[in-house]
Amino acid sequence: ISRAKEYCATFYCTIAQLALEMLLDGTMDQLDGIITPTICDTLRPMSQNFRVAMGDKMKVIFLAHPQNRFEEFGLQFCIDQYNHVKADLEEFGLKFCEEEYANVKADLEEVCGHEITNDAILDAIKVYNKSRAARREFVKLANEHCDVVTPTKRSAVLKAFFFMEKPEYTAKLEELNKELAALPVCDWKGTKVVTSGIICDNPKLLS
């Protein structure tokens, strides 16, 4: 990480810094735009660093997720935010970020090259839900076949989701799941370890 440090503090999370670095060095040139959320202390201010660094090259769209996800007002806030990503801001009870959300729909449609319809959003949700179901099934099968799916391979399969078109990825994963399901369940005698955290794809640690 070198160029990203020109736009953000050095103590920012290296995962976020690396994302900006790949945008700056051309690794992510296939992208037409990015949406920056506010789901952590780094991304809240760094969303603006992304905009300053990449605003002339691609669309950088800001999206705030609700902090209270289970209360009725939190659910309504979430609905409002996704509506603002889709449509121009006309009536919005919350006054902050009005100018930002008013332009989100236009930004997204400029990236897509066409109007974003409700049917298109529903189709995208179905695609992603199908992929999520396949990944849940893979995690279950990987646990039953520790002799075949090592932690490193398990990580690689799950990480590939972020770098492949979702229909292609899901088709390959469903094929892999079928092959795993056909194998006898492993009577694993070794130690099983559960890791918990934001990310765990370090090959040496997984080994």
N, C-alpha and C. Protein backbone atom coordinates (compact mmCIF):
# COMPACT_ATOMS: atom_id res chain seq x y z
N ILE A 1 0.85 -1.18 0.00
CA ILE A 1 0.00 0.00 0.00
C ILE A 1 0.90 1.24 0.00
N SER A 2 0.77 2.07 -1.04
CA SER A 2 1.59 3.28 -1.11
C SER A 2 0.74 4.48 -1.52
N ARG A 3 0.08 4.39 -2.66
CA ARG A 3 -0.67 5.54 -3.18
C ARG A 3 -1.86 5.89 -2.30
N ALA A 4 -2.49 4.87 -1.71
CA ALA A 4 -3.67 5.13 -0.87
C ALA A 4 -3.34 6.00 0.32
N LYS A 5 -2.09 5.91 0.79
CA LYS A 5 -1.69 6.69 1.96
C LYS A 5 -1.68 8.20 1.67
N GLU A 6 -1.72 8.57 0.38
CA GLU A 6 -1.80 9.98 0.04
C GLU A 6 -3.19 10.55 0.34
N TYR A 7 -4.18 9.66 0.52
CA TYR A 7 -5.57 10.11 0.69
C TYR A 7 -6.13 9.83 2.07
N CYS A 8 -5.47 9.00 2.85
CA CYS A 8 -6.06 8.65 4.15
C CYS A 8 -4.97 8.52 5.21
N ALA A 9 -5.39 8.56 6.45
CA ALA A 9 -4.46 8.41 7.57
C ALA A 9 -3.86 7.01 7.59
N THR A 10 -2.61 6.90 8.03
CA THR A 10 -1.92 5.61 8.01
C THR A 10 -2.54 4.60 8.96
N PHE A 11 -3.28 5.08 9.97
CA PHE A 11 -3.88 4.15 10.92
C PHE A 11 -5.23 3.59 10.44
N TYR A 12 -5.67 4.02 9.26
CA TYR A 12 -6.90 3.45 8.72
C TYR A 12 -6.72 1.95 8.47
N CYS A 13 -7.80 1.21 8.60
CA CYS A 13 -7.81 -0.23 8.37
C CYS A 13 -7.14 -0.58 7.03
N THR A 14 -6.23 -1.55 7.05
CA THR A 14 -5.49 -1.89 5.82
C THR A 14 -6.39 -2.52 4.77
N ILE A 15 -7.50 -3.12 5.19
CA ILE A 15 -8.42 -3.70 4.21
C ILE A 15 -9.02 -2.59 3.35
N ALA A 16 -9.45 -1.52 4.00
CA ALA A 16 -10.01 -0.38 3.27
C ALA A 16 -8.93 0.32 2.45
N GLN A 17 -7.73 0.45 3.02
CA GLN A 17 -6.64 1.08 2.28
C GLN A 17 -6.30 0.28 1.02
N LEU A 18 -6.29 -1.04 1.15
CA LEU A 18 -5.96 -1.88 -0.01
C LEU A 18 -7.01 -1.76 -1.10
N ALA A 19 -8.27 -1.62 -0.70
CA ALA A 19 -9.33 -1.42 -1.69
C ALA A 19 -9.09 -0.14 -2.49
N LEU A 20 -8.71 0.93 -1.80
CA LEU A 20 -8.42 2.19 -2.49
C LEU A 20 -7.16 2.05 -3.33
N GLU A 21 -6.17 1.34 -2.83
CA GLU A 21 -4.93 1.14 -3.58
C GLU A 21 -5.21 0.44 -4.92
N MET A 22 -6.06 -0.58 -4.89
CA MET A 22 -6.38 -1.32 -6.12
C MET A 22 -7.16 -0.46 -7.10
N LEU A 23 -7.95 0.47 -6.57
CA LEU A 23 -8.65 1.41 -7.45
C LEU A 23 -7.66 2.38 -8.09
N LEU A 24 -6.69 2.80 -7.33
CA LEU A 24 -5.73 3.78 -7.83
C LEU A 24 -4.73 3.18 -8.82
N ASP A 25 -4.32 1.92 -8.59
CA ASP A 25 -3.28 1.34 -9.45
C ASP A 25 -3.84 0.65 -10.69
N GLY A 26 -5.18 0.68 -10.87
CA GLY A 26 -5.78 0.13 -12.08
C GLY A 26 -6.27 -1.29 -11.96
N THR A 27 -6.04 -1.94 -10.80
CA THR A 27 -6.50 -3.33 -10.63
C THR A 27 -8.01 -3.44 -10.80
N MET A 28 -8.73 -2.40 -10.39
CA MET A 28 -10.19 -2.41 -10.43
C MET A 28 -10.75 -1.58 -11.58
N ASP A 29 -9.98 -1.43 -12.65
CA ASP A 29 -10.44 -0.61 -13.78
C ASP A 29 -11.70 -1.15 -14.44
N GLN A 30 -12.04 -2.42 -14.19
CA GLN A 30 -13.25 -2.97 -14.81
C GLN A 30 -14.52 -2.44 -14.15
N LEU A 31 -14.39 -1.76 -13.02
CA LEU A 31 -15.56 -1.21 -12.32
C LEU A 31 -15.98 0.10 -12.96
N ASP A 32 -17.29 0.31 -13.01
CA ASP A 32 -17.84 1.58 -13.48
C ASP A 32 -18.19 2.52 -12.34
N GLY A 33 -18.31 1.96 -11.14
CA GLY A 33 -18.65 2.78 -9.99
C GLY A 33 -18.54 1.98 -8.71
N ILE A 34 -18.54 2.65 -7.57
CA ILE A 34 -18.50 1.98 -6.28
C ILE A 34 -19.49 2.66 -5.34
N ILE A 35 -20.00 1.87 -4.39
CA ILE A 35 -20.85 2.40 -3.33
C ILE A 35 -20.09 2.26 -2.02
N THR A 36 -19.91 3.35 -1.31
CA THR A 36 -19.19 3.31 -0.04
C THR A 36 -20.20 3.37 1.11
N PRO A 37 -20.24 2.35 1.95
CA PRO A 37 -21.14 2.34 3.10
C PRO A 37 -20.49 2.99 4.31
N THR A 38 -21.16 2.93 5.44
CA THR A 38 -20.65 3.53 6.68
C THR A 38 -20.67 2.51 7.81
N ILE A 39 -20.29 1.28 7.50
CA ILE A 39 -20.50 0.19 8.46
C ILE A 39 -19.38 0.06 9.49
N CYS A 40 -18.34 0.91 9.42
CA CYS A 40 -17.29 0.84 10.43
C CYS A 40 -16.69 2.23 10.61
N ASP A 41 -15.86 2.38 11.65
CA ASP A 41 -15.28 3.68 11.95
C ASP A 41 -14.34 4.16 10.85
N THR A 42 -13.75 3.23 10.10
CA THR A 42 -12.87 3.62 9.00
C THR A 42 -13.67 4.13 7.81
N LEU A 43 -14.72 3.40 7.44
CA LEU A 43 -15.45 3.74 6.22
C LEU A 43 -16.26 5.02 6.34
N ARG A 44 -16.65 5.37 7.55
CA ARG A 44 -17.44 6.60 7.69
C ARG A 44 -16.69 7.81 7.14
N PRO A 45 -15.44 8.07 7.59
CA PRO A 45 -14.73 9.19 6.98
C PRO A 45 -14.09 8.84 5.64
N MET A 46 -13.69 7.58 5.46
CA MET A 46 -12.94 7.22 4.27
C MET A 46 -13.81 7.23 3.01
N SER A 47 -15.12 7.21 3.18
CA SER A 47 -16.00 7.30 2.02
C SER A 47 -15.69 8.55 1.23
N GLN A 48 -15.32 9.61 1.93
CA GLN A 48 -14.98 10.85 1.26
C GLN A 48 -13.59 10.79 0.62
N ASN A 49 -12.69 10.00 1.21
CA ASN A 49 -11.37 9.81 0.60
C ASN A 49 -11.51 9.07 -0.75
N PHE A 50 -12.40 8.09 -0.79
CA PHE A 50 -12.68 7.40 -2.05
C PHE A 50 -13.18 8.39 -3.09
N ARG A 51 -14.06 9.28 -2.66
CA ARG A 51 -14.66 10.24 -3.59
C ARG A 51 -13.61 11.20 -4.14
N VAL A 52 -12.73 11.69 -3.27
CA VAL A 52 -11.68 12.61 -3.72
C VAL A 52 -10.71 11.90 -4.66
N ALA A 53 -10.35 10.67 -4.33
CA ALA A 53 -9.35 9.94 -5.12
C ALA A 53 -9.90 9.45 -6.45
N MET A 54 -11.17 9.02 -6.49
CA MET A 54 -11.69 8.34 -7.68
C MET A 54 -12.84 9.07 -8.35
N GLY A 55 -13.26 10.22 -7.81
CA GLY A 55 -14.45 10.91 -8.31
C GLY A 55 -14.37 11.29 -9.78
N ASP A 56 -13.17 11.56 -10.29
CA ASP A 56 -13.03 11.94 -11.69
C ASP A 56 -13.01 10.73 -12.62
N LYS A 57 -12.82 9.54 -12.06
CA LYS A 57 -12.66 8.33 -12.87
C LYS A 57 -13.91 7.47 -12.90
N MET A 58 -14.65 7.46 -11.80
CA MET A 58 -15.86 6.63 -11.72
C MET A 58 -16.83 7.23 -10.72
N LYS A 59 -18.05 6.74 -10.75
CA LYS A 59 -19.05 7.19 -9.80
C LYS A 59 -18.75 6.62 -8.42
N VAL A 60 -18.75 7.48 -7.42
CA VAL A 60 -18.58 7.07 -6.03
C VAL A 60 -19.84 7.47 -5.28
N ILE A 61 -20.62 6.49 -4.86
CA ILE A 61 -21.95 6.73 -4.29
C ILE A 61 -21.94 6.39 -2.80
N PHE A 62 -22.44 7.29 -1.98
CA PHE A 62 -22.45 7.14 -0.52
C PHE A 62 -23.77 6.53 -0.07
N LEU A 63 -23.71 5.56 0.84
CA LEU A 63 -24.92 4.91 1.35
C LEU A 63 -24.78 4.67 2.84
N ALA A 64 -25.73 5.15 3.63
CA ALA A 64 -25.72 4.96 5.08
C ALA A 64 -26.68 3.83 5.46
N HIS A 65 -26.18 2.84 6.16
CA HIS A 65 -27.02 1.76 6.68
C HIS A 65 -27.49 2.10 8.09
N PRO A 66 -28.61 1.54 8.52
CA PRO A 66 -29.13 1.86 9.85
C PRO A 66 -28.27 1.27 10.95
N GLN A 67 -28.12 2.00 12.04
CA GLN A 67 -27.40 1.48 13.20
C GLN A 67 -28.31 0.58 14.05
N ASN A 68 -29.61 0.87 14.04
CA ASN A 68 -30.59 0.05 14.75
C ASN A 68 -31.34 -0.78 13.72
N ARG A 69 -30.97 -2.06 13.61
CA ARG A 69 -31.48 -2.88 12.51
C ARG A 69 -32.78 -3.62 12.84
N PHE A 70 -33.13 -3.68 14.11
CA PHE A 70 -34.27 -4.51 14.49
C PHE A 70 -35.49 -3.70 14.93
N GLU A 71 -35.28 -2.44 15.28
CA GLU A 71 -36.41 -1.60 15.64
C GLU A 71 -37.14 -1.16 14.37
N GLU A 72 -38.42 -0.83 14.53
CA GLU A 72 -39.24 -0.44 13.39
C GLU A 72 -38.65 0.78 12.67
N PHE A 73 -38.17 1.75 13.45
CA PHE A 73 -37.61 2.95 12.82
C PHE A 73 -36.31 2.62 12.06
N GLY A 74 -35.57 1.62 12.55
CA GLY A 74 -34.36 1.22 11.85
C GLY A 74 -34.66 0.55 10.52
N LEU A 75 -35.69 -0.29 10.52
CA LEU A 75 -36.10 -0.93 9.28
C LEU A 75 -36.60 0.10 8.28
N GLN A 76 -37.37 1.06 8.77
CA GLN A 76 -37.88 2.10 7.89
C GLN A 76 -36.74 2.95 7.32
N PHE A 77 -35.74 3.25 8.17
CA PHE A 77 -34.59 4.00 7.69
C PHE A 77 -33.87 3.25 6.58
N CYS A 78 -33.73 1.94 6.76
CA CYS A 78 -33.07 1.12 5.74
C CYS A 78 -33.84 1.14 4.43
N ILE A 79 -35.15 1.03 4.52
CA ILE A 79 -35.99 1.10 3.32
C ILE A 79 -35.80 2.44 2.63
N ASP A 80 -35.79 3.49 3.44
CA ASP A 80 -35.62 4.84 2.88
C ASP A 80 -34.30 4.96 2.13
N GLN A 81 -33.24 4.43 2.72
CA GLN A 81 -31.93 4.57 2.08
C GLN A 81 -31.87 3.86 0.73
N TYR A 82 -32.40 2.65 0.67
CA TYR A 82 -32.38 1.92 -0.60
C TYR A 82 -33.31 2.57 -1.62
N ASN A 83 -34.39 3.16 -1.15
CA ASN A 83 -35.24 3.91 -2.07
C ASN A 83 -34.52 5.12 -2.64
N HIS A 84 -33.67 5.73 -1.82
CA HIS A 84 -32.95 6.90 -2.29
C HIS A 84 -31.84 6.52 -3.26
N VAL A 85 -31.30 5.29 -3.09
CA VAL A 85 -30.33 4.81 -4.06
C VAL A 85 -31.01 4.60 -5.40
N LYS A 86 -32.26 4.23 -5.39
CA LYS A 86 -32.99 3.94 -6.63
C LYS A 86 -33.61 5.20 -7.24
N ALA A 87 -34.14 6.06 -6.42
CA ALA A 87 -34.95 7.16 -6.96
C ALA A 87 -34.48 8.51 -6.44
N ASP A 88 -34.85 9.57 -7.11
CA ASP A 88 -34.54 10.92 -6.66
C ASP A 88 -35.19 11.18 -5.32
N LEU A 89 -34.49 11.94 -4.51
CA LEU A 89 -35.03 12.31 -3.21
C LEU A 89 -36.11 13.38 -3.38
N GLU A 90 -37.35 13.04 -3.02
CA GLU A 90 -38.44 14.01 -3.11
C GLU A 90 -38.94 14.39 -1.71
N GLU A 91 -39.30 13.36 -0.98
CA GLU A 91 -39.75 13.63 0.38
C GLU A 91 -38.98 12.72 1.33
N PHE A 92 -38.21 13.30 2.19
CA PHE A 92 -37.35 12.53 3.09
C PHE A 92 -37.39 13.18 4.46
N GLY A 93 -37.96 12.47 5.43
CA GLY A 93 -38.13 13.03 6.76
C GLY A 93 -36.82 13.39 7.43
N LEU A 94 -35.78 12.56 7.23
CA LEU A 94 -34.49 12.87 7.83
C LEU A 94 -33.77 13.88 6.95
N LYS A 95 -33.22 14.93 7.54
CA LYS A 95 -32.70 16.05 6.78
C LYS A 95 -31.23 15.93 6.43
N PHE A 96 -30.48 15.01 7.12
CA PHE A 96 -29.06 14.97 6.83
C PHE A 96 -28.80 14.28 5.49
N CYS A 97 -27.75 14.70 4.84
CA CYS A 97 -27.28 14.10 3.57
C CYS A 97 -28.30 14.21 2.45
N GLU A 98 -29.19 15.20 2.49
CA GLU A 98 -30.22 15.31 1.46
C GLU A 98 -29.62 15.44 0.06
N GLU A 99 -28.65 16.30 -0.07
CA GLU A 99 -28.07 16.53 -1.40
C GLU A 99 -27.40 15.28 -1.94
N GLU A 100 -26.76 14.49 -1.04
CA GLU A 100 -26.09 13.28 -1.48
C GLU A 100 -27.09 12.27 -2.02
N TYR A 101 -28.15 12.01 -1.27
CA TYR A 101 -29.11 10.99 -1.66
C TYR A 101 -29.94 11.40 -2.87
N ALA A 102 -30.08 12.70 -3.08
CA ALA A 102 -30.86 13.16 -4.23
C ALA A 102 -30.21 12.76 -5.55
N ASN A 103 -28.90 12.58 -5.53
CA ASN A 103 -28.17 12.28 -6.77
C ASN A 103 -27.85 10.80 -6.94
N VAL A 104 -28.16 9.97 -5.96
CA VAL A 104 -27.73 8.58 -6.01
C VAL A 104 -28.38 7.82 -7.17
N LYS A 105 -29.68 8.02 -7.36
CA LYS A 105 -30.35 7.30 -8.44
C LYS A 105 -29.78 7.68 -9.80
N ALA A 106 -29.57 8.97 -10.00
CA ALA A 106 -29.01 9.41 -11.27
C ALA A 106 -27.61 8.85 -11.48
N ASP A 107 -26.82 8.80 -10.41
CA ASP A 107 -25.46 8.26 -10.52
C ASP A 107 -25.50 6.79 -10.92
N LEU A 108 -26.34 6.02 -10.24
CA LEU A 108 -26.41 4.59 -10.53
C LEU A 108 -26.91 4.33 -11.95
N GLU A 109 -27.89 5.08 -12.38
CA GLU A 109 -28.44 4.87 -13.72
C GLU A 109 -27.43 5.30 -14.79
N GLU A 110 -26.60 6.29 -14.47
CA GLU A 110 -25.56 6.68 -15.42
C GLU A 110 -24.53 5.56 -15.56
N VAL A 111 -24.20 4.91 -14.44
CA VAL A 111 -23.27 3.79 -14.49
C VAL A 111 -23.86 2.64 -15.29
N CYS A 112 -25.14 2.34 -15.03
CA CYS A 112 -25.80 1.21 -15.69
C CYS A 112 -26.13 1.50 -17.16
N GLY A 113 -26.37 2.75 -17.47
CA GLY A 113 -26.75 3.09 -18.83
C GLY A 113 -28.22 2.92 -19.12
N HIS A 114 -29.01 2.70 -18.08
CA HIS A 114 -30.46 2.55 -18.26
C HIS A 114 -31.16 2.80 -16.93
N GLU A 115 -32.48 2.94 -16.98
CA GLU A 115 -33.27 3.14 -15.77
C GLU A 115 -33.25 1.89 -14.91
N ILE A 116 -33.17 2.06 -13.60
CA ILE A 116 -33.22 0.93 -12.68
C ILE A 116 -34.68 0.69 -12.28
N THR A 117 -35.20 -0.46 -12.64
CA THR A 117 -36.60 -0.78 -12.35
C THR A 117 -36.70 -1.64 -11.10
N ASN A 118 -37.89 -1.70 -10.53
CA ASN A 118 -38.11 -2.57 -9.38
C ASN A 118 -37.89 -4.02 -9.74
N ASP A 119 -38.30 -4.42 -10.94
CA ASP A 119 -38.11 -5.81 -11.38
C ASP A 119 -36.63 -6.17 -11.45
N ALA A 120 -35.81 -5.23 -11.92
CA ALA A 120 -34.38 -5.48 -12.01
C ALA A 120 -33.78 -5.67 -10.61
N ILE A 121 -34.24 -4.87 -9.65
CA ILE A 121 -33.74 -5.01 -8.28
C ILE A 121 -34.16 -6.35 -7.70
N LEU A 122 -35.41 -6.75 -7.93
CA LEU A 122 -35.88 -8.04 -7.43
C LEU A 122 -35.10 -9.20 -8.05
N ASP A 123 -34.80 -9.09 -9.34
CA ASP A 123 -34.01 -10.13 -10.01
C ASP A 123 -32.62 -10.22 -9.40
N ALA A 124 -32.01 -9.08 -9.10
CA ALA A 124 -30.68 -9.08 -8.49
C ALA A 124 -30.71 -9.71 -7.11
N ILE A 125 -31.76 -9.43 -6.34
CA ILE A 125 -31.90 -10.03 -5.01
C ILE A 125 -31.99 -11.55 -5.12
N LYS A 126 -32.74 -12.04 -6.11
CA LYS A 126 -32.85 -13.49 -6.31
C LYS A 126 -31.51 -14.11 -6.65
N VAL A 127 -30.72 -13.43 -7.49
CA VAL A 127 -29.40 -13.93 -7.87
C VAL A 127 -28.50 -14.05 -6.64
N TYR A 128 -28.50 -13.01 -5.82
CA TYR A 128 -27.63 -13.01 -4.64
C TYR A 128 -28.13 -13.99 -3.58
N ASN A 129 -29.44 -14.10 -3.41
CA ASN A 129 -29.97 -15.06 -2.44
C ASN A 129 -29.65 -16.49 -2.83
N LYS A 130 -29.68 -16.79 -4.12
CA LYS A 130 -29.32 -18.12 -4.60
C LYS A 130 -27.86 -18.41 -4.30
N SER A 131 -27.01 -17.40 -4.48
CA SER A 131 -25.59 -17.57 -4.19
C SER A 131 -25.37 -17.76 -2.69
N ARG A 132 -26.07 -17.01 -1.87
CA ARG A 132 -25.93 -17.14 -0.42
C ARG A 132 -26.34 -18.54 0.03
N ALA A 133 -27.41 -19.06 -0.54
CA ALA A 133 -27.87 -20.40 -0.18
C ALA A 133 -26.81 -21.45 -0.54
N ALA A 134 -26.19 -21.28 -1.71
CA ALA A 134 -25.15 -22.22 -2.13
C ALA A 134 -23.94 -22.14 -1.20
N ARG A 135 -23.60 -20.94 -0.75
CA ARG A 135 -22.46 -20.80 0.16
C ARG A 135 -22.77 -21.39 1.54
N ARG A 136 -24.00 -21.22 2.01
CA ARG A 136 -24.37 -21.83 3.29
C ARG A 136 -24.27 -23.35 3.19
N GLU A 137 -24.72 -23.90 2.07
CA GLU A 137 -24.64 -25.34 1.87
C GLU A 137 -23.19 -25.80 1.81
N PHE A 138 -22.34 -25.01 1.14
CA PHE A 138 -20.93 -25.38 1.04
C PHE A 138 -20.27 -25.40 2.42
N VAL A 139 -20.55 -24.39 3.25
CA VAL A 139 -19.97 -24.35 4.59
C VAL A 139 -20.38 -25.59 5.39
N LYS A 140 -21.63 -25.99 5.26
CA LYS A 140 -22.12 -27.20 5.96
C LYS A 140 -21.38 -28.44 5.44
N LEU A 141 -21.26 -28.56 4.12
CA LEU A 141 -20.60 -29.73 3.54
C LEU A 141 -19.10 -29.74 3.85
N ALA A 142 -18.48 -28.56 3.85
CA ALA A 142 -17.05 -28.48 4.16
C ALA A 142 -16.79 -29.00 5.56
N ASN A 143 -17.69 -28.70 6.48
CA ASN A 143 -17.55 -29.17 7.85
C ASN A 143 -17.66 -30.70 7.93
N GLU A 144 -18.41 -31.28 7.01
CA GLU A 144 -18.60 -32.73 7.01
C GLU A 144 -17.51 -33.46 6.24
N HIS A 145 -16.67 -32.70 5.55
CA HIS A 145 -15.63 -33.31 4.71
C HIS A 145 -14.29 -32.60 4.94
N CYS A 146 -13.86 -32.59 6.21
CA CYS A 146 -12.60 -31.94 6.56
C CYS A 146 -11.40 -32.62 5.90
N ASP A 147 -11.58 -33.86 5.48
CA ASP A 147 -10.48 -34.57 4.83
C ASP A 147 -10.27 -34.08 3.39
N VAL A 148 -11.28 -33.46 2.81
CA VAL A 148 -11.21 -33.00 1.42
C VAL A 148 -11.06 -31.48 1.35
N VAL A 149 -11.86 -30.79 2.14
CA VAL A 149 -11.86 -29.32 2.11
C VAL A 149 -11.03 -28.80 3.28
N THR A 150 -9.81 -28.43 3.00
CA THR A 150 -8.96 -27.85 4.04
C THR A 150 -9.41 -26.41 4.32
N PRO A 151 -9.01 -25.84 5.45
CA PRO A 151 -9.37 -24.45 5.72
C PRO A 151 -8.92 -23.49 4.63
N THR A 152 -7.75 -23.74 4.04
CA THR A 152 -7.25 -22.86 2.97
C THR A 152 -8.14 -22.95 1.75
N LYS A 153 -8.55 -24.17 1.38
CA LYS A 153 -9.42 -24.34 0.22
C LYS A 153 -10.81 -23.76 0.51
N ARG A 154 -11.27 -23.94 1.72
CA ARG A 154 -12.58 -23.39 2.09
C ARG A 154 -12.58 -21.87 1.94
N SER A 155 -11.52 -21.25 2.41
CA SER A 155 -11.39 -19.80 2.29
C SER A 155 -11.36 -19.37 0.83
N ALA A 156 -10.62 -20.11 0.00
CA ALA A 156 -10.50 -19.75 -1.41
C ALA A 156 -11.85 -19.82 -2.12
N VAL A 157 -12.63 -20.85 -1.80
CA VAL A 157 -13.95 -21.00 -2.43
C VAL A 157 -14.87 -19.85 -2.04
N LEU A 158 -14.88 -19.49 -0.77
CA LEU A 158 -15.75 -18.41 -0.31
C LEU A 158 -15.27 -17.06 -0.81
N LYS A 159 -13.96 -16.87 -0.86
CA LYS A 159 -13.40 -15.58 -1.30
C LYS A 159 -13.65 -15.35 -2.78
N ALA A 160 -13.72 -16.43 -3.57
CA ALA A 160 -13.94 -16.29 -5.01
C ALA A 160 -15.25 -15.58 -5.32
N PHE A 161 -16.20 -15.62 -4.38
CA PHE A 161 -17.48 -14.95 -4.56
C PHE A 161 -17.30 -13.47 -4.90
N PHE A 162 -16.29 -12.85 -4.32
CA PHE A 162 -16.11 -11.40 -4.48
C PHE A 162 -15.47 -11.04 -5.81
N PHE A 163 -14.98 -12.03 -6.56
CA PHE A 163 -14.23 -11.74 -7.77
C PHE A 163 -14.85 -12.34 -9.02
N MET A 164 -16.02 -12.95 -8.90
CA MET A 164 -16.66 -13.60 -10.04
C MET A 164 -18.08 -13.07 -10.23
N GLU A 165 -18.56 -13.13 -11.46
CA GLU A 165 -19.97 -12.83 -11.70
C GLU A 165 -20.81 -13.86 -10.95
N LYS A 166 -21.84 -13.40 -10.29
CA LYS A 166 -22.56 -14.27 -9.35
C LYS A 166 -23.21 -15.50 -9.99
N PRO A 167 -23.85 -15.40 -11.18
CA PRO A 167 -24.44 -16.62 -11.75
C PRO A 167 -23.38 -17.69 -12.06
N GLU A 168 -22.22 -17.26 -12.57
CA GLU A 168 -21.15 -18.21 -12.89
C GLU A 168 -20.61 -18.84 -11.61
N TYR A 169 -20.39 -18.02 -10.60
CA TYR A 169 -19.87 -18.53 -9.33
C TYR A 169 -20.85 -19.53 -8.71
N THR A 170 -22.12 -19.17 -8.68
CA THR A 170 -23.11 -20.04 -8.05
C THR A 170 -23.22 -21.37 -8.78
N ALA A 171 -23.17 -21.35 -10.09
CA ALA A 171 -23.25 -22.60 -10.86
C ALA A 171 -22.07 -23.51 -10.53
N LYS A 172 -20.87 -22.95 -10.45
CA LYS A 172 -19.69 -23.76 -10.12
C LYS A 172 -19.78 -24.29 -8.69
N LEU A 173 -20.26 -23.44 -7.76
CA LEU A 173 -20.35 -23.86 -6.38
C LEU A 173 -21.40 -24.95 -6.19
N GLU A 174 -22.52 -24.83 -6.88
CA GLU A 174 -23.55 -25.87 -6.78
C GLU A 174 -23.02 -27.20 -7.32
N GLU A 175 -22.21 -27.15 -8.36
CA GLU A 175 -21.60 -28.38 -8.89
C GLU A 175 -20.64 -28.98 -7.86
N LEU A 176 -19.85 -28.13 -7.21
CA LEU A 176 -18.95 -28.61 -6.17
C LEU A 176 -19.72 -29.20 -5.00
N ASN A 177 -20.82 -28.55 -4.61
CA ASN A 177 -21.65 -29.06 -3.51
C ASN A 177 -22.19 -30.45 -3.81
N LYS A 178 -22.61 -30.67 -5.05
CA LYS A 178 -23.11 -31.99 -5.43
C LYS A 178 -22.04 -33.06 -5.28
N GLU A 179 -20.81 -32.71 -5.69
CA GLU A 179 -19.72 -33.68 -5.58
C GLU A 179 -19.39 -33.97 -4.11
N LEU A 180 -19.41 -32.95 -3.28
CA LEU A 180 -19.14 -33.15 -1.86
C LEU A 180 -20.24 -33.97 -1.20
N ALA A 181 -21.49 -33.67 -1.57
CA ALA A 181 -22.62 -34.39 -0.96
C ALA A 181 -22.58 -35.88 -1.30
N ALA A 182 -21.97 -36.23 -2.43
CA ALA A 182 -21.90 -37.63 -2.85
C ALA A 182 -20.83 -38.41 -2.09
N LEU A 183 -19.93 -37.70 -1.40
CA LEU A 183 -18.86 -38.36 -0.65
C LEU A 183 -19.35 -38.79 0.73
N PRO A 184 -18.76 -39.85 1.29
CA PRO A 184 -19.12 -40.24 2.66
C PRO A 184 -18.68 -39.18 3.65
N VAL A 185 -19.48 -38.97 4.69
CA VAL A 185 -19.14 -37.98 5.71
C VAL A 185 -17.87 -38.42 6.42
N CYS A 186 -16.96 -37.49 6.58
CA CYS A 186 -15.67 -37.78 7.19
C CYS A 186 -15.80 -37.96 8.70
N ASP A 187 -15.20 -39.04 9.22
CA ASP A 187 -15.15 -39.26 10.66
C ASP A 187 -13.89 -38.58 11.19
N TRP A 188 -13.97 -37.26 11.31
CA TRP A 188 -12.79 -36.45 11.61
C TRP A 188 -12.36 -36.64 13.06
N LYS A 189 -11.10 -37.01 13.25
CA LYS A 189 -10.57 -37.22 14.61
C LYS A 189 -9.70 -36.06 15.06
N GLY A 190 -9.41 -35.14 14.14
CA GLY A 190 -8.54 -34.03 14.48
C GLY A 190 -9.28 -32.93 15.23
N THR A 191 -8.56 -31.87 15.52
CA THR A 191 -9.12 -30.74 16.25
C THR A 191 -9.92 -29.85 15.31
N LYS A 192 -11.04 -29.37 15.79
CA LYS A 192 -11.84 -28.41 15.02
C LYS A 192 -11.75 -27.04 15.70
N VAL A 193 -11.47 -26.02 14.90
CA VAL A 193 -11.30 -24.66 15.42
C VAL A 193 -12.26 -23.73 14.70
N VAL A 194 -12.96 -22.91 15.47
CA VAL A 194 -13.84 -21.89 14.90
C VAL A 194 -13.16 -20.54 15.02
N THR A 195 -13.01 -19.85 13.90
CA THR A 195 -12.48 -18.49 13.93
C THR A 195 -13.62 -17.51 13.77
N SER A 196 -13.51 -16.37 14.44
CA SER A 196 -14.55 -15.35 14.38
C SER A 196 -13.91 -14.00 14.18
N GLY A 197 -14.40 -13.23 13.22
CA GLY A 197 -13.83 -11.91 12.99
C GLY A 197 -14.26 -11.38 11.64
N ILE A 198 -13.72 -10.22 11.27
CA ILE A 198 -14.15 -9.56 10.05
C ILE A 198 -13.62 -10.28 8.81
N ILE A 199 -12.42 -10.88 8.91
CA ILE A 199 -11.85 -11.55 7.74
C ILE A 199 -10.80 -12.54 8.21
N CYS A 200 -10.69 -13.66 7.54
CA CYS A 200 -9.66 -14.65 7.87
C CYS A 200 -9.29 -15.38 6.58
N ASP A 201 -8.32 -14.84 5.83
CA ASP A 201 -7.89 -15.50 4.60
C ASP A 201 -6.38 -15.57 4.51
N ASN A 202 -5.72 -15.56 5.68
CA ASN A 202 -4.28 -15.68 5.70
C ASN A 202 -3.90 -17.15 5.55
N PRO A 203 -3.23 -17.51 4.44
CA PRO A 203 -2.92 -18.93 4.18
C PRO A 203 -2.13 -19.61 5.29
N LYS A 204 -1.12 -18.91 5.84
CA LYS A 204 -0.31 -19.53 6.89
C LYS A 204 -1.13 -19.80 8.15
N LEU A 205 -1.96 -18.81 8.51
CA LEU A 205 -2.82 -18.99 9.69
C LEU A 205 -3.80 -20.13 9.46
N LEU A 206 -4.40 -20.18 8.28
CA LEU A 206 -5.36 -21.24 7.97
C LEU A 206 -4.69 -22.61 7.95
N SER A 207 -3.47 -22.66 7.44
CA SER A 207 -2.73 -23.94 7.44
C SER A 207 -2.46 -24.40 8.87
